[in-house]
Protein backbone atom coordinates (compact mmCIF):
# COMPACT_ATOMS: atom_id res chain seq x y z
CA UNK A 1 -48.50 -61.99 51.80
CA UNK A 2 -47.41 -65.27 53.12
CA UNK A 3 -45.51 -67.66 50.94
CA UNK A 4 -45.23 -71.32 52.23
CA UNK A 5 -41.85 -73.18 50.77
CA UNK A 6 -42.08 -76.85 50.02
CA UNK A 7 -39.43 -79.21 48.35
CA UNK A 8 -38.16 -82.71 48.90
CA UNK A 9 -35.53 -83.41 51.39
CA UNK A 10 -31.84 -82.05 50.37
CA UNK A 11 -33.61 -79.76 47.71
CA UNK A 12 -31.84 -76.52 49.53
CA UNK A 13 -35.30 -75.39 50.42
CA UNK A 14 -33.94 -73.90 53.76
CA UNK A 15 -30.95 -72.22 52.04
CA UNK A 16 -33.42 -70.48 49.45
CA UNK A 17 -35.49 -69.48 52.65
CA UNK A 18 -32.14 -68.20 54.17
CA UNK A 19 -31.51 -66.31 50.90
CA UNK A 20 -34.87 -64.43 50.55
CA UNK A 21 -35.02 -63.51 54.36
CA UNK A 22 -31.61 -62.90 54.81
CA UNK A 23 -31.62 -65.17 57.86
CA UNK A 24 -28.73 -65.89 59.92
CA UNK A 25 -28.29 -69.08 61.53
CA UNK A 26 -31.14 -71.08 60.15
CA UNK A 27 -30.26 -74.66 60.10
CA UNK A 28 -29.97 -76.06 56.62
CA UNK A 29 -28.94 -79.52 58.13
CA UNK A 30 -31.37 -82.51 57.81
CA UNK A 31 -33.96 -82.86 60.57
CA UNK A 32 -37.24 -84.97 61.12
CA UNK A 33 -38.63 -82.39 63.50
CA UNK A 34 -41.38 -80.33 61.74
CA UNK A 35 -40.32 -76.88 62.93
CA UNK A 36 -41.56 -73.72 61.09
CA UNK A 37 -39.02 -70.85 60.17
CA UNK A 38 -40.73 -67.55 59.51
CA UNK A 39 -38.95 -64.96 57.98
CA UNK A 40 -39.78 -61.55 56.42
CA UNK A 41 -38.43 -59.61 53.42
CA UNK A 42 -39.02 -55.99 52.35
CA UNK A 43 -40.45 -55.50 48.90
CA UNK A 44 -38.46 -53.37 46.79
CA UNK A 45 -40.00 -50.34 45.38
CA UNK A 46 -38.20 -47.55 43.66
CA UNK A 47 -41.11 -45.52 44.18
CA UNK A 48 -40.59 -45.15 47.73
CA UNK A 49 -37.28 -43.21 47.15
CA UNK A 50 -39.06 -40.73 45.06
CA UNK A 51 -41.72 -40.14 47.58
CA UNK A 52 -39.51 -39.81 50.50
CA UNK A 53 -37.75 -36.88 48.64
CA UNK A 54 -41.26 -35.36 47.97
CA UNK A 55 -42.78 -35.72 51.66
CA UNK A 56 -39.78 -35.96 53.80
CA UNK A 57 -41.32 -38.33 56.26
CA UNK A 58 -39.55 -39.44 59.47
CA UNK A 59 -40.38 -43.06 58.82
CA UNK A 60 -40.63 -45.20 55.71
CA UNK A 61 -42.13 -48.38 55.93
CA UNK A 62 -42.06 -50.96 52.90
CA UNK A 63 -44.51 -53.76 52.15
CA UNK A 64 -43.47 -56.89 53.42
CA UNK A 65 -43.51 -60.79 52.43
CA UNK A 66 -43.75 -63.25 54.87
CA UNK A 67 -42.01 -66.74 53.98
CA UNK A 68 -42.51 -69.84 55.85
CA UNK A 69 -40.08 -72.94 55.60
CA UNK A 70 -40.90 -76.07 57.39
CA UNK A 71 -37.64 -77.66 58.59
CA UNK A 72 -38.04 -81.36 58.37
CA UNK A 73 -40.63 -83.36 56.53
CA UNK A 74 -42.75 -86.47 57.34
CA UNK A 75 -40.87 -89.63 56.84
CA UNK A 76 -43.66 -90.65 53.84
CA UNK A 77 -43.24 -87.30 52.28
CA UNK A 78 -42.41 -87.91 48.57
CA UNK A 79 -43.91 -91.47 48.69
CA UNK A 80 -47.61 -90.59 47.58
CA UNK A 81 -49.04 -90.19 50.76
CA UNK A 82 -49.70 -86.56 50.39
CA UNK A 83 -49.44 -83.76 52.79
CA UNK A 84 -51.00 -84.37 56.29
CA UNK A 85 -51.08 -83.28 59.92
CA UNK A 86 -49.13 -80.26 61.05
CA UNK A 87 -47.15 -79.86 57.88
CA UNK A 88 -50.64 -79.62 56.09
CA UNK A 89 -51.61 -77.03 58.53
CA UNK A 90 -48.69 -74.72 57.75
CA UNK A 91 -49.21 -74.74 54.15
CA UNK A 92 -52.75 -74.32 53.95
CA UNK A 93 -52.40 -70.79 55.62
CA UNK A 94 -50.29 -69.70 53.05
CA UNK A 95 -51.51 -67.46 50.33
CA UNK A 96 -48.80 -68.92 47.43
CA UNK A 97 -46.47 -71.73 47.61
CA UNK A 98 -42.66 -71.75 46.38
CA UNK A 99 -41.77 -75.23 45.24
CA UNK A 100 -37.97 -75.72 45.34
CA UNK A 101 -36.53 -78.35 42.93
CA UNK A 102 -32.94 -79.26 43.22
CA UNK A 103 -31.07 -79.04 40.02
CA UNK A 104 -27.52 -78.62 41.44
CA UNK A 105 -25.07 -81.61 41.95
CA UNK A 106 -23.04 -82.30 45.05
CA UNK A 107 -21.37 -85.46 45.78
CA UNK A 108 -21.50 -84.63 49.62
CA UNK A 109 -25.42 -84.25 49.50
CA UNK A 110 -26.87 -87.29 47.54
CA UNK A 111 -30.26 -86.86 46.24
CA UNK A 112 -32.89 -88.99 48.04
CA UNK A 113 -33.82 -90.58 44.54
CA UNK A 114 -30.17 -91.13 43.76
CA UNK A 115 -30.06 -88.85 41.05
CA UNK A 116 -30.60 -85.32 39.68
CA UNK A 117 -34.09 -85.10 37.79
CA UNK A 118 -36.00 -81.82 38.11
CA UNK A 119 -38.66 -82.97 35.91
CA UNK A 120 -39.29 -86.15 38.17
CA UNK A 121 -39.00 -84.09 41.27
CA UNK A 122 -41.74 -81.68 40.36
CA UNK A 123 -43.83 -84.63 39.46
CA UNK A 124 -43.26 -85.93 42.74
CA UNK A 125 -44.22 -82.98 44.38
CA UNK A 126 -47.28 -82.12 42.41
CA UNK A 127 -48.59 -85.48 42.98
CA UNK A 128 -47.98 -85.01 46.87
CA UNK A 129 -50.17 -81.76 46.67
CA UNK A 130 -52.73 -83.65 44.69
CA UNK A 131 -52.89 -86.48 46.98
CA UNK A 132 -53.67 -84.18 49.74
CA UNK A 133 -56.37 -82.34 48.01
CA UNK A 134 -57.90 -85.72 46.99
CA UNK A 135 -57.91 -86.81 50.54
CA UNK A 136 -59.82 -83.81 51.85
CA UNK A 137 -62.41 -84.29 48.82
CA UNK A 138 -63.06 -87.74 49.48
CA UNK A 139 -63.49 -87.19 53.33
CA UNK A 140 -65.94 -84.35 52.58
CA UNK A 141 -68.00 -86.42 49.77
CA UNK A 142 -68.41 -89.06 52.39
CA UNK A 143 -69.91 -86.50 54.65
CA UNK A 144 -72.06 -85.08 52.16
CA UNK A 145 -73.55 -88.48 51.45
CA UNK A 146 -74.45 -88.76 54.79
CA UNK A 147 -76.00 -85.36 54.99
CA UNK A 148 -77.91 -85.85 51.73
CA UNK A 149 -79.77 -88.77 53.30
CA UNK A 150 -81.67 -86.26 55.96
CA UNK A 151 -81.42 -82.93 54.12
CA UNK A 152 -84.58 -81.16 52.89
CA UNK A 153 -84.85 -78.48 50.36
CA UNK A 154 -83.26 -75.94 50.04
CA UNK A 155 -80.22 -77.22 52.06
CA UNK A 156 -80.47 -80.38 49.86
CA UNK A 157 -79.95 -78.38 46.76
CA UNK A 158 -76.97 -76.64 48.14
CA UNK A 159 -75.44 -79.89 49.10
CA UNK A 160 -75.98 -81.40 45.69
CA UNK A 161 -74.25 -78.53 44.15
CA UNK A 162 -71.28 -78.80 46.33
CA UNK A 163 -71.05 -82.50 45.61
CA UNK A 164 -71.21 -81.98 41.98
CA UNK A 165 -68.32 -79.45 42.15
CA UNK A 166 -66.25 -81.65 44.54
CA UNK A 167 -66.72 -84.61 42.03
CA UNK A 168 -65.46 -82.53 39.12
CA UNK A 169 -62.68 -81.26 41.02
CA UNK A 170 -61.66 -84.93 41.90
CA UNK A 171 -61.98 -86.22 38.32
CA UNK A 172 -59.36 -83.09 37.40
CA UNK A 173 -57.27 -84.15 40.19
CA UNK A 174 -57.08 -87.72 39.19
CA UNK A 175 -56.05 -86.43 35.54
CA UNK A 176 -53.16 -84.53 37.16
CA UNK A 177 -54.67 -81.10 36.71
CA UNK A 178 -54.15 -78.85 39.66
CA UNK A 179 -57.45 -77.18 40.91
CA UNK A 180 -55.84 -73.68 40.03
CA UNK A 181 -55.83 -74.84 36.31
CA UNK A 182 -59.41 -76.14 36.33
CA UNK A 183 -62.30 -74.26 34.88
CA UNK A 184 -64.02 -72.44 37.54
CA UNK A 185 -66.42 -69.77 37.91
CA UNK A 186 -65.81 -66.91 40.40
CA UNK A 187 -68.89 -68.32 42.40
CA UNK A 188 -67.30 -71.91 42.66
CA UNK A 189 -63.77 -70.30 43.65
CA UNK A 190 -65.20 -68.34 46.33
CA UNK A 191 -67.33 -71.15 47.65
CA UNK A 192 -63.99 -73.39 47.73
CA UNK A 193 -62.26 -70.95 49.77
CA UNK A 194 -62.79 -72.52 53.16
CA UNK A 195 -61.20 -75.90 51.64
CA UNK A 196 -57.78 -73.90 51.03
CA UNK A 197 -56.77 -76.76 48.84
CA UNK A 198 -53.09 -76.89 48.00
CA UNK A 199 -53.23 -77.21 44.16
CA UNK A 200 -55.64 -74.08 44.33
CA UNK A 201 -52.93 -71.89 45.61
CA UNK A 202 -50.56 -70.15 43.04
CA UNK A 203 -47.36 -71.83 42.32
CA UNK A 204 -43.83 -70.73 41.76
CA UNK A 205 -41.28 -73.22 40.83
CA UNK A 206 -37.91 -72.47 41.83
CA UNK A 207 -34.93 -74.35 40.20
CA UNK A 208 -32.09 -74.48 42.55
CA UNK A 209 -28.91 -74.49 40.44
CA UNK A 210 -25.35 -74.47 41.20
CA UNK A 211 -22.94 -71.88 40.59
CA UNK A 212 -21.53 -73.54 37.71
CA UNK A 213 -25.13 -73.82 35.87
CA UNK A 214 -25.63 -69.90 35.92
CA UNK A 215 -25.15 -69.36 32.36
CA UNK A 216 -27.55 -72.34 31.47
CA UNK A 217 -30.38 -70.84 33.73
CA UNK A 218 -32.71 -69.70 30.90
CA UNK A 219 -32.08 -73.11 29.08
CA UNK A 220 -32.98 -75.22 32.26
CA UNK A 221 -36.06 -72.88 32.83
CA UNK A 222 -36.89 -73.57 29.18
CA UNK A 223 -36.70 -77.46 29.77
CA UNK A 224 -39.24 -77.32 32.61
CA UNK A 225 -41.56 -74.79 30.88
CA UNK A 226 -41.73 -77.55 28.11
CA UNK A 227 -43.62 -80.08 30.51
CA UNK A 228 -46.67 -77.85 30.51
CA UNK A 229 -49.40 -76.79 28.45
CA UNK A 230 -50.70 -73.33 28.56
CA UNK A 231 -51.47 -71.82 31.14
CA UNK A 232 -47.74 -72.49 32.25
CA UNK A 233 -46.86 -72.19 35.80
CA UNK A 234 -44.14 -69.56 36.78
CA UNK A 235 -40.46 -70.97 36.86
CA UNK A 236 -37.37 -69.05 38.18
CA UNK A 237 -33.80 -70.46 38.54
CA UNK A 238 -31.29 -69.44 41.12
CA UNK A 239 -28.25 -70.48 42.89
CA UNK A 240 -29.60 -70.75 46.65
CA UNK A 241 -26.12 -71.20 48.15
CA UNK A 242 -24.53 -68.27 46.21
CA UNK A 243 -27.71 -66.09 46.97
CA UNK A 244 -27.58 -66.94 50.61
CA UNK A 245 -24.05 -65.88 50.70
CA UNK A 246 -24.91 -62.67 48.74
CA UNK A 247 -27.65 -61.74 51.50
CA UNK A 248 -25.03 -61.67 54.20
CA UNK A 249 -23.26 -58.97 52.42
CA UNK A 250 -23.92 -55.17 52.17
CA UNK A 251 -26.15 -53.93 49.33
CA UNK A 252 -23.08 -52.40 47.29
CA UNK A 253 -20.93 -55.30 47.76
CA UNK A 254 -23.56 -57.95 46.82
CA UNK A 255 -24.30 -56.01 43.77
CA UNK A 256 -20.73 -55.83 42.77
CA UNK A 257 -20.44 -59.75 43.08
CA UNK A 258 -23.73 -60.14 41.04
CA UNK A 259 -22.36 -57.85 38.06
CA UNK A 260 -19.12 -60.10 38.14
CA UNK A 261 -21.08 -63.23 38.01
CA UNK A 262 -23.45 -61.85 35.41
CA UNK A 263 -26.54 -62.03 37.46
CA UNK A 264 -28.41 -58.74 36.78
CA UNK A 265 -31.03 -58.80 39.52
CA UNK A 266 -31.27 -59.94 43.21
CA UNK A 267 -32.85 -63.29 43.31
CA UNK A 268 -35.09 -62.35 46.29
CA UNK A 269 -36.22 -59.23 44.25
CA UNK A 270 -37.38 -61.66 41.42
CA UNK A 271 -38.96 -63.94 43.50
CA UNK A 272 -41.18 -61.06 45.16
CA UNK A 273 -42.05 -60.04 41.44
CA UNK A 274 -43.23 -63.25 40.43
CA UNK A 275 -45.32 -63.64 43.83
CA UNK A 276 -47.11 -60.33 43.15
CA UNK A 277 -47.85 -61.33 39.72
CA UNK A 278 -49.26 -64.65 40.98
CA UNK A 279 -51.62 -63.36 43.50
CA UNK A 280 -52.40 -60.44 41.27
CA UNK A 281 -51.23 -57.87 43.98
CA UNK A 282 -50.74 -54.10 43.54
CA UNK A 283 -49.14 -51.38 45.98
CA UNK A 284 -50.66 -48.11 47.35
CA UNK A 285 -49.09 -45.49 49.53
CA UNK A 286 -50.07 -43.30 52.33
CA UNK A 287 -48.20 -40.78 54.37
CA UNK A 288 -49.72 -40.23 57.61
CA UNK A 289 -48.14 -39.05 60.93
CA UNK A 290 -44.85 -38.55 59.32
CA UNK A 291 -44.69 -42.12 58.14
CA UNK A 292 -44.60 -42.98 54.33
CA UNK A 293 -46.21 -46.47 54.13
CA UNK A 294 -46.74 -49.09 51.20
CA UNK A 295 -49.82 -51.31 51.52
CA UNK A 296 -50.40 -54.44 49.15
CA UNK A 297 -54.03 -55.36 48.19
CA UNK A 298 -55.43 -57.25 45.42
CA UNK A 299 -55.99 -55.58 42.00
CA UNK A 300 -59.58 -54.39 41.54
CA UNK A 301 -59.85 -53.46 45.33
CA UNK A 302 -62.21 -50.57 46.02
CA UNK A 303 -61.25 -47.42 48.21
CA UNK A 304 -63.51 -48.66 50.91
CA UNK A 305 -61.84 -52.29 51.30
CA UNK A 306 -58.27 -50.48 50.59
CA UNK A 307 -59.18 -48.21 53.84
CA UNK A 308 -59.79 -51.22 55.78
CA UNK A 309 -56.55 -52.66 55.19
CA UNK A 310 -55.25 -49.96 57.18
CA UNK A 311 -57.89 -49.85 60.35
CA UNK A 312 -61.29 -51.09 60.28
CA UNK A 313 -62.31 -47.59 61.79
CA UNK A 314 -61.23 -46.01 58.31
CA UNK A 315 -63.31 -48.21 56.51
CA UNK A 316 -66.40 -47.73 59.03
CA UNK A 317 -66.12 -44.13 58.96
CA UNK A 318 -65.10 -43.57 55.32
CA UNK A 319 -66.00 -40.24 53.60
CA UNK A 320 -63.93 -39.90 50.68
CA UNK A 321 -60.11 -40.34 49.34
CA UNK A 322 -57.80 -37.95 48.21
CA UNK A 323 -55.98 -39.54 45.30
CA UNK A 324 -53.30 -39.02 43.18
CA UNK A 325 -51.21 -41.24 40.86
CA UNK A 326 -47.70 -41.81 41.32
CA UNK A 327 -46.97 -40.93 37.75
CA UNK A 328 -48.72 -37.65 38.24
CA UNK A 329 -47.31 -36.75 41.54
CA UNK A 330 -43.62 -37.41 39.81
CA UNK A 331 -44.41 -34.93 36.92
CA UNK A 332 -45.69 -32.23 39.61
CA UNK A 333 -43.02 -32.52 42.15
CA UNK A 334 -45.05 -31.67 45.00
CA UNK A 335 -48.85 -32.44 46.03
CA UNK A 336 -49.18 -28.43 46.10
CA UNK A 337 -48.31 -28.36 42.20
CA UNK A 338 -50.46 -31.29 41.75
CA UNK A 339 -53.35 -29.63 43.33
CA UNK A 340 -52.71 -26.52 41.21
CA UNK A 341 -53.09 -28.64 38.04
CA UNK A 342 -56.26 -30.54 39.28
CA UNK A 343 -54.41 -33.92 39.37
CA UNK A 344 -55.34 -34.29 43.13
CA UNK A 345 -58.94 -36.18 42.73
CA UNK A 346 -61.48 -36.92 45.45
CA UNK A 347 -62.84 -40.41 45.09
CA UNK A 348 -65.80 -42.33 46.56
CA UNK A 349 -65.91 -45.75 48.17
CA UNK A 350 -66.39 -47.61 44.94
CA UNK A 351 -63.05 -46.00 43.29
CA UNK A 352 -60.89 -49.05 42.19
CA UNK A 353 -57.61 -48.42 43.64
CA UNK A 354 -54.73 -48.53 41.12
CA UNK A 355 -51.16 -49.66 41.38
CA UNK A 356 -48.90 -46.51 42.66
CA UNK A 357 -51.68 -44.58 44.09
CA UNK A 358 -50.92 -42.28 46.80
CA UNK A 359 -53.92 -41.79 49.00
CA UNK A 360 -55.30 -39.97 51.81
CA UNK A 361 -58.48 -41.40 53.41
CA UNK A 362 -60.99 -38.80 54.88
CA UNK A 363 -63.05 -40.48 57.73
CA UNK A 364 -65.62 -39.86 60.60
CA UNK A 365 -66.10 -42.35 63.38
């Protein structure tokens, strides 16, 4: 899973990146160079601890989330020009977008618009994403017009269908409705996958608050939620500066500080949880060659495709899958006991993998 971080200049997006990835030394000062910062965060999963006690592997590998922060933004970003060039290319490759919106006050870091106004900034960022998608749509519609003049059936029918869909999306965007909130069939969503529209990507809005606003976090989130009709976007508030500092401490020390501040859950863990919800992801586990490993897949993924997540050879030579749910294994305490109780199942390639399944794939190539 790759999450692209966006935000207006001086919103603290690189500070948020540092907090999420525990990065050290990533520059947070303004720059005009479009430099990508890549960072990885381990996905916290309490189930790994129990599985480690059960299987005693030599190595435990949690799932990972990859974040990308583009240091620097084009000079015209935020001015209604859309996202273009290299900046657009980086974001198009992301599975989801994390939109950082400034809510903190700091006289030493003046806001580019002159005053703090999260609602205004969200509107600016949403428009930039929409303008980028509109530019792609308009360019494609021009090419479609030229192609339709010389196209013959059945190619012409496909082009007409594509044109009608794009015109519908364009109309929605012009009414400030992102593509992800427009009514699309599964077939239409699939047909649009190559476009990688920015407003079609799942979006998480992060309010970057000051330490003095921690007690107001829920109120600030509710204010932003009030802007949107259902289905509402995911919104979470956190203090980027504080979380960046806590990320450099040991786990026990950081937890102590959070308790003192009344912050129940580490912000990076909350962000990952929201990303999983947005992308409809689940986790399954394997224990092979003394390695316990967590794998991330989409909900409703069949066993055959889950096998391919590990290696194409396993998918190609798939025979069957030995499966036990995490809950059943936890109750039994061991695979041997689970087998005795008939809870270790043999499943075929069409079995839909469930969150928390522990799977051993049998294959032959």
